[in-house]
């Protein structure tokens, strides 16, 4: 049982390290979508600054959305590692 936990913990740590490396390669900031009725605006937030991302720059919005997904996965991995350490 302990060996299985150690194996699982090592896999989660490896996954967390991989996600951290991937995330560091992305541009700074976070994608935010503002909705007003049927209209949507893409906003890139960097520290305390917000920059409008036009629809013509869809590739940047897709990259930032992928970064948000990877950050969510990394957070989940860190939670599982924390839980596994205290079982």
C-alpha atoms as a PDB file:
ATOM      1  CA  UNK A   1       0.000   0.000   0.000  1.00  0.00           C
ATOM      2  CA  UNK A   2       2.787   2.450   0.928  1.00  0.00           C
ATOM      3  CA  UNK A   3       4.648   1.522  -2.235  1.00  0.00           C
ATOM      4  CA  UNK A   4       1.531   2.294  -4.314  1.00  0.00           C
ATOM      5  CA  UNK A   5       1.225   5.680  -2.611  1.00  0.00           C
ATOM      6  CA  UNK A   6       4.890   6.429  -3.279  1.00  0.00           C
ATOM      7  CA  UNK A   7       4.475   5.471  -6.938  1.00  0.00           C
ATOM      8  CA  UNK A   8       1.365   7.626  -7.246  1.00  0.00           C
ATOM      9  CA  UNK A   9       3.086  10.516  -5.485  1.00  0.00           C
ATOM     10  CA  UNK A  10       6.059  10.302  -7.873  1.00  0.00           C
ATOM     11  CA  UNK A  11       3.741  10.281 -10.910  1.00  0.00           C
ATOM     12  CA  UNK A  12       1.852  13.316  -9.594  1.00  0.00           C
ATOM     13  CA  UNK A  13       5.105  15.152  -8.873  1.00  0.00           C
ATOM     14  CA  UNK A  14       6.343  14.406 -12.394  1.00  0.00           C
ATOM     15  CA  UNK A  15       3.061  15.638 -13.871  1.00  0.00           C
ATOM     16  CA  UNK A  16       3.208  18.786 -11.757  1.00  0.00           C
ATOM     17  CA  UNK A  17       6.793  19.510 -12.883  1.00  0.00           C
ATOM     18  CA  UNK A  18       5.827  18.950 -16.528  1.00  0.00           C
ATOM     19  CA  UNK A  19       2.862  21.335 -16.242  1.00  0.00           C
ATOM     20  CA  UNK A  20       5.009  23.946 -14.505  1.00  0.00           C
ATOM     21  CA  UNK A  21       7.539  23.844 -17.384  1.00  0.00           C
ATOM     22  CA  UNK A  22       4.766  24.099 -20.000  1.00  0.00           C
ATOM     23  CA  UNK A  23       3.082  27.009 -18.213  1.00  0.00           C
ATOM     24  CA  UNK A  24       6.338  28.957 -17.904  1.00  0.00           C
ATOM     25  CA  UNK A  25       6.643  28.957 -21.727  1.00  0.00           C
ATOM     26  CA  UNK A  26       3.326  30.802 -22.166  1.00  0.00           C
ATOM     27  CA  UNK A  27       2.997  34.594 -22.293  1.00  0.00           C
ATOM     28  CA  UNK A  28       2.320  36.434 -19.049  1.00  0.00           C
ATOM     29  CA  UNK A  29      -1.222  37.280 -18.049  1.00  0.00           C
ATOM     30  CA  UNK A  30      -4.599  35.621 -17.797  1.00  0.00           C
ATOM     31  CA  UNK A  31      -7.481  35.462 -20.249  1.00  0.00           C
ATOM     32  CA  UNK A  32     -10.749  36.934 -19.089  1.00  0.00           C
ATOM     33  CA  UNK A  33     -13.977  37.020 -21.086  1.00  0.00           C
ATOM     34  CA  UNK A  34     -16.412  39.869 -20.518  1.00  0.00           C
ATOM     35  CA  UNK A  35     -19.967  39.310 -21.700  1.00  0.00           C
ATOM     36  CA  UNK A  36     -22.522  41.985 -22.445  1.00  0.00           C
ATOM     37  CA  UNK A  37     -25.697  40.464 -23.834  1.00  0.00           C
ATOM     38  CA  UNK A  38     -24.709  38.533 -26.935  1.00  0.00           C
ATOM     39  CA  UNK A  39     -21.332  40.290 -27.232  1.00  0.00           C
ATOM     40  CA  UNK A  40     -18.064  39.018 -25.812  1.00  0.00           C
ATOM     41  CA  UNK A  41     -14.751  40.793 -25.259  1.00  0.00           C
ATOM     42  CA  UNK A  42     -11.463  39.029 -24.669  1.00  0.00           C
ATOM     43  CA  UNK A  43      -9.286  40.724 -22.082  1.00  0.00           C
ATOM     44  CA  UNK A  44      -5.709  39.802 -21.188  1.00  0.00           C
ATOM     45  CA  UNK A  45      -4.980  40.753 -17.584  1.00  0.00           C
ATOM     46  CA  UNK A  46      -1.374  41.366 -16.607  1.00  0.00           C
ATOM     47  CA  UNK A  47      -0.824  42.291 -12.969  1.00  0.00           C
ATOM     48  CA  UNK A  48      -3.038  45.376 -12.566  1.00  0.00           C
ATOM     49  CA  UNK A  49      -3.332  46.149 -16.272  1.00  0.00           C
ATOM     50  CA  UNK A  50      -6.070  44.924 -18.621  1.00  0.00           C
ATOM     51  CA  UNK A  51      -5.508  44.836 -22.391  1.00  0.00           C
ATOM     52  CA  UNK A  52      -8.222  44.223 -24.980  1.00  0.00           C
ATOM     53  CA  UNK A  53      -7.498  41.279 -27.274  1.00  0.00           C
ATOM     54  CA  UNK A  54      -9.253  41.790 -30.628  1.00  0.00           C
ATOM     55  CA  UNK A  55     -10.994  38.880 -32.347  1.00  0.00           C
ATOM     56  CA  UNK A  56      -8.389  39.110 -35.111  1.00  0.00           C
ATOM     57  CA  UNK A  57      -5.838  37.922 -32.524  1.00  0.00           C
ATOM     58  CA  UNK A  58      -7.626  34.632 -31.915  1.00  0.00           C
ATOM     59  CA  UNK A  59      -4.376  32.644 -31.714  1.00  0.00           C
ATOM     60  CA  UNK A  60      -3.305  34.605 -28.612  1.00  0.00           C
ATOM     61  CA  UNK A  61      -6.703  34.017 -27.008  1.00  0.00           C
ATOM     62  CA  UNK A  62      -6.415  30.278 -27.716  1.00  0.00           C
ATOM     63  CA  UNK A  63      -2.926  30.159 -26.206  1.00  0.00           C
ATOM     64  CA  UNK A  64      -4.110  31.998 -23.102  1.00  0.00           C
ATOM     65  CA  UNK A  65      -7.125  29.677 -22.796  1.00  0.00           C
ATOM     66  CA  UNK A  66      -4.796  26.654 -22.975  1.00  0.00           C
ATOM     67  CA  UNK A  67      -2.645  28.233 -20.264  1.00  0.00           C
ATOM     68  CA  UNK A  68      -5.720  28.591 -18.069  1.00  0.00           C
ATOM     69  CA  UNK A  69      -6.575  24.900 -18.578  1.00  0.00           C
ATOM     70  CA  UNK A  70      -3.024  23.823 -17.741  1.00  0.00           C
ATOM     71  CA  UNK A  71      -3.013  26.009 -14.621  1.00  0.00           C
ATOM     72  CA  UNK A  72      -6.208  24.307 -13.510  1.00  0.00           C
ATOM     73  CA  UNK A  73      -4.634  20.873 -14.077  1.00  0.00           C
ATOM     74  CA  UNK A  74      -1.514  21.887 -12.156  1.00  0.00           C
ATOM     75  CA  UNK A  75      -3.623  23.094  -9.244  1.00  0.00           C
ATOM     76  CA  UNK A  76      -5.485  19.783  -9.178  1.00  0.00           C
ATOM     77  CA  UNK A  77      -2.203  17.861  -9.244  1.00  0.00           C
ATOM     78  CA  UNK A  78      -0.822  19.900  -6.342  1.00  0.00           C
ATOM     79  CA  UNK A  79      -3.981  19.221  -4.317  1.00  0.00           C
ATOM     80  CA  UNK A  80      -3.691  15.487  -4.972  1.00  0.00           C
ATOM     81  CA  UNK A  81      -0.016  15.537  -3.948  1.00  0.00           C
ATOM     82  CA  UNK A  82      -0.893  17.365  -0.743  1.00  0.00           C
ATOM     83  CA  UNK A  83      -3.675  14.862  -0.008  1.00  0.00           C
ATOM     84  CA  UNK A  84      -1.431  11.862  -0.708  1.00  0.00           C
ATOM     85  CA  UNK A  85       1.252  13.138   1.682  1.00  0.00           C
ATOM     86  CA  UNK A  86      -1.182  13.240   4.585  1.00  0.00           C
ATOM     87  CA  UNK A  87      -2.959   9.901   4.087  1.00  0.00           C
END
